Protein backbone atom coordinates (compact mmCIF):
# COMPACT_ATOMS: atom_id res chain seq x y z
CA UNK A 1 0.00 0.00 0.00
CA UNK A 2 2.80 2.44 0.89
CA UNK A 3 4.57 1.61 -2.38
CA UNK A 4 1.42 2.42 -4.38
CA UNK A 5 1.10 5.73 -2.55
CA UNK A 6 4.73 6.56 -3.36
CA UNK A 7 4.16 5.82 -7.05
CA UNK A 8 1.07 8.05 -7.02
CA UNK A 9 2.89 10.88 -5.26
CA UNK A 10 5.84 10.58 -7.61
CA UNK A 11 3.55 10.92 -10.61
CA UNK A 12 1.27 13.73 -9.36
CA UNK A 13 2.84 16.30 -11.66
CA UNK A 14 2.55 13.93 -14.61
CA UNK A 15 -1.14 13.32 -13.98
CA UNK A 16 -1.84 17.02 -13.54
CA UNK A 17 -0.22 17.67 -16.91
CA UNK A 18 -2.01 14.79 -18.67
CA UNK A 19 -5.53 15.94 -17.97
CA UNK A 20 -5.24 19.72 -18.23
CA UNK A 21 -6.63 19.69 -21.79
CA UNK A 22 -9.76 17.78 -20.71
CA UNK A 23 -12.89 19.83 -21.16
CA UNK A 24 -15.60 20.15 -18.50
CA UNK A 25 -18.88 22.02 -18.21
CA UNK A 26 -19.19 25.02 -15.92
CA UNK A 27 -22.04 27.36 -15.00
CA UNK A 28 -21.02 31.01 -15.18
CA UNK A 29 -21.94 32.93 -11.99
CA UNK A 30 -20.91 36.45 -13.04
CA UNK A 31 -20.53 38.16 -16.40
CA UNK A 32 -17.02 37.55 -17.75
CA UNK A 33 -15.72 39.95 -20.40
CA UNK A 34 -13.53 38.76 -23.26
CA UNK A 35 -10.11 37.67 -21.94
CA UNK A 36 -7.10 37.34 -24.27
CA UNK A 37 -4.97 34.34 -23.39
CA UNK A 38 -1.64 33.53 -25.02
CA UNK A 39 -3.09 30.95 -27.39
CA UNK A 40 -6.78 31.84 -27.54
CA UNK A 41 -9.57 34.18 -26.49
CA UNK A 42 -11.92 33.30 -23.62
CA UNK A 43 -15.39 34.80 -23.40
CA UNK A 44 -17.35 36.92 -23.15
CA UNK A 45 -19.78 34.90 -21.05
CA UNK A 46 -23.16 35.86 -19.59
CA UNK A 47 -24.27 35.09 -16.05
CA UNK A 48 -26.07 31.72 -15.91
CA UNK A 49 -24.69 30.37 -19.17
CA UNK A 50 -23.28 26.85 -19.28
CA UNK A 51 -20.06 26.44 -21.24
CA UNK A 52 -17.51 23.76 -21.97
CA UNK A 53 -13.93 24.82 -21.07
CA UNK A 54 -10.58 23.21 -20.43
CA UNK A 55 -10.31 21.94 -16.89
CA UNK A 56 -7.46 24.28 -15.93
CA UNK A 57 -9.56 27.27 -17.00
CA UNK A 58 -12.54 25.92 -15.06
CA UNK A 59 -10.32 25.66 -11.97
CA UNK A 60 -9.17 29.27 -12.25
CA UNK A 61 -12.70 30.56 -12.87
CA UNK A 62 -14.08 28.50 -9.99
CA UNK A 63 -11.40 29.71 -7.57
CA UNK A 64 -12.29 33.28 -8.57
CA UNK A 65 -15.99 32.57 -7.85
CA UNK A 66 -16.85 33.23 -11.50
CA UNK A 67 -18.26 29.76 -12.16
CA UNK A 68 -19.24 26.44 -10.66
CA UNK A 69 -18.01 23.20 -12.14
CA UNK A 70 -20.89 20.95 -13.17
CA UNK A 71 -20.56 17.31 -12.23
CA UNK A 72 -20.39 15.14 -15.38
CA UNK A 73 -23.27 12.75 -16.03
CA UNK A 74 -20.98 9.73 -15.77
CA UNK A 75 -20.26 10.65 -12.15
CA UNK A 76 -23.79 9.77 -11.02
CA UNK A 77 -24.15 6.98 -8.47
CA UNK A 78 -26.40 4.82 -10.68
CA UNK A 79 -24.01 5.10 -13.68
CA UNK A 80 -21.03 4.16 -11.50
CA UNK A 81 -22.90 1.19 -9.98
CA UNK A 82 -23.65 -0.14 -13.49
CA UNK A 83 -19.97 0.26 -14.52
CA UNK A 84 -18.84 -1.48 -11.34
CA UNK A 85 -21.15 -4.42 -12.07
CA UNK A 86 -19.85 -4.64 -15.65
CA UNK A 87 -16.21 -4.49 -14.45
CA UNK A 88 -16.89 -7.35 -12.03
CA UNK A 89 -18.69 -9.49 -14.63
CA UNK A 90 -16.28 -9.04 -17.54
CA UNK A 91 -12.62 -9.91 -17.86
CA UNK A 92 -12.22 -6.94 -20.23
CA UNK A 93 -11.92 -3.32 -19.21
CA UNK A 94 -15.06 -1.24 -19.58
CA UNK A 95 -14.98 2.16 -21.27
CA UNK A 96 -14.57 5.02 -18.80
CA UNK A 97 -13.64 8.67 -19.38
CA UNK A 98 -9.86 8.88 -19.90
CA UNK A 99 -9.33 11.09 -16.84
CA UNK A 100 -12.02 9.77 -14.52
CA UNK A 101 -9.76 9.57 -11.44
CA UNK A 102 -8.37 13.09 -11.91
CA UNK A 103 -11.81 14.60 -12.43
CA UNK A 104 -13.06 12.86 -9.26
CA UNK A 105 -10.09 14.33 -7.40
CA UNK A 106 -11.15 17.82 -8.50
CA UNK A 107 -14.66 17.22 -7.18
CA UNK A 108 -13.29 16.00 -3.87
CA UNK A 109 -11.06 18.98 -3.21
CA UNK A 110 -13.56 21.52 -4.51
CA UNK A 111 -16.26 22.76 -2.16
CA UNK A 112 -18.38 24.77 -4.62
CA UNK A 113 -19.46 22.03 -6.99
CA UNK A 114 -22.89 22.11 -8.62
CA UNK A 115 -24.87 18.96 -7.79
CA UNK A 116 -22.39 17.90 -5.04
CA UNK A 117 -20.12 14.89 -4.72
CA UNK A 118 -21.09 12.13 -2.35
CA UNK A 119 -18.88 9.68 -0.49
CA UNK A 120 -20.82 6.82 -2.07
CA UNK A 121 -19.61 7.96 -5.50
CA UNK A 122 -16.04 8.14 -4.25
CA UNK A 123 -16.33 4.62 -2.87
CA UNK A 124 -17.62 3.36 -6.24
CA UNK A 125 -14.78 5.09 -8.11
CA UNK A 126 -12.19 3.56 -5.77
CA UNK A 127 -13.68 0.08 -6.20
CA UNK A 128 -13.78 0.45 -10.00
CA UNK A 129 -10.16 1.64 -10.02
CA UNK A 130 -9.11 -1.27 -7.82
CA UNK A 131 -10.80 -3.88 -10.02
CA UNK A 132 -9.35 -2.34 -13.18
CA UNK A 133 -5.85 -2.21 -11.68
CA UNK A 134 -6.09 -5.90 -10.78
CA UNK A 135 -7.25 -6.76 -14.32
CA UNK A 136 -4.31 -4.82 -15.80
CA UNK A 137 -1.82 -6.45 -13.44
CA UNK A 138 -3.16 -9.94 -14.19
CA UNK A 139 -3.03 -9.22 -17.92
CA UNK A 140 0.61 -8.14 -17.75
CA UNK A 141 1.62 -11.16 -15.65
CA UNK A 142 0.54 -13.61 -18.35
CA UNK A 143 2.86 -12.19 -21.03
CA UNK A 144 5.33 -14.99 -21.69
CA UNK A 145 6.33 -14.91 -25.36
CA UNK A 146 7.86 -12.29 -27.63
CA UNK A 147 5.43 -9.47 -28.14
CA UNK A 148 5.62 -7.11 -31.10
CA UNK A 149 3.15 -4.59 -29.70
CA UNK A 150 0.95 -3.94 -26.72
CA UNK A 151 -2.41 -2.27 -27.18
CA UNK A 152 -3.92 -0.55 -24.16
CA UNK A 153 -7.55 -0.20 -25.10
CA UNK A 154 -9.85 1.54 -22.64
CA UNK A 155 -7.06 2.29 -20.18
CA UNK A 156 -7.23 5.59 -18.33
CA UNK A 157 -4.39 8.02 -17.66
CA UNK A 158 -3.90 7.27 -13.95
CA UNK A 159 -4.08 3.54 -14.56
CA UNK A 160 -1.40 3.80 -17.22
CA UNK A 161 0.88 5.96 -15.07
CA UNK A 162 0.56 3.62 -12.09
CA UNK A 163 1.48 0.64 -14.25
CA UNK A 164 4.09 2.37 -16.42
CA UNK A 165 7.12 1.22 -14.42
CA UNK A 166 5.77 -2.32 -14.11
CA UNK A 167 5.17 -2.46 -17.87
CA UNK A 168 8.66 -1.12 -18.56
CA UNK A 169 10.15 -3.75 -16.24
CA UNK A 170 8.31 -6.60 -17.94
CA UNK A 171 9.23 -5.36 -21.40
CA UNK A 172 12.87 -5.01 -20.37
CA UNK A 173 12.81 -8.44 -18.74
CA UNK A 174 11.36 -9.95 -21.90
CA UNK A 175 14.04 -8.19 -23.94
CA UNK A 176 11.61 -5.99 -25.83
CA UNK A 177 13.03 -2.58 -24.94
């Protein structure tokens, strides 16, 4: 358990970087005039409008009390329960948003979220992540022969980062690197 925590801490900056381009819906709380950014223009936005912005912009606007981040539909308890059931029943990974763990982390640390974030949802996310990690680990352990390529279908960013060193070790051990 401590080793997993160390891997996660070591990769925090990597995960932050990976999901910054993810887009998320926000509800504008105050009129925002047009803002010129280095690479684009943001706004203008009217009070009450719902827009789709990059997650790092949503974080800045939310911290400035200019918007509230809207919880994605896939983060509902019933949706997560269905995904958990499918993960348990199938040996294959189910499709989840690429940055589901990072987005959940934002909802946990953020106190001004529209539609709230319940502990039940967090528990479901942790269980899904645990099952998926076990599936990935078991899949890697059975590699025995020469492999020309590995395809990581339906794997999420945090799952890949947590397994990156293990995958590199196995590939090196098998003489593929």
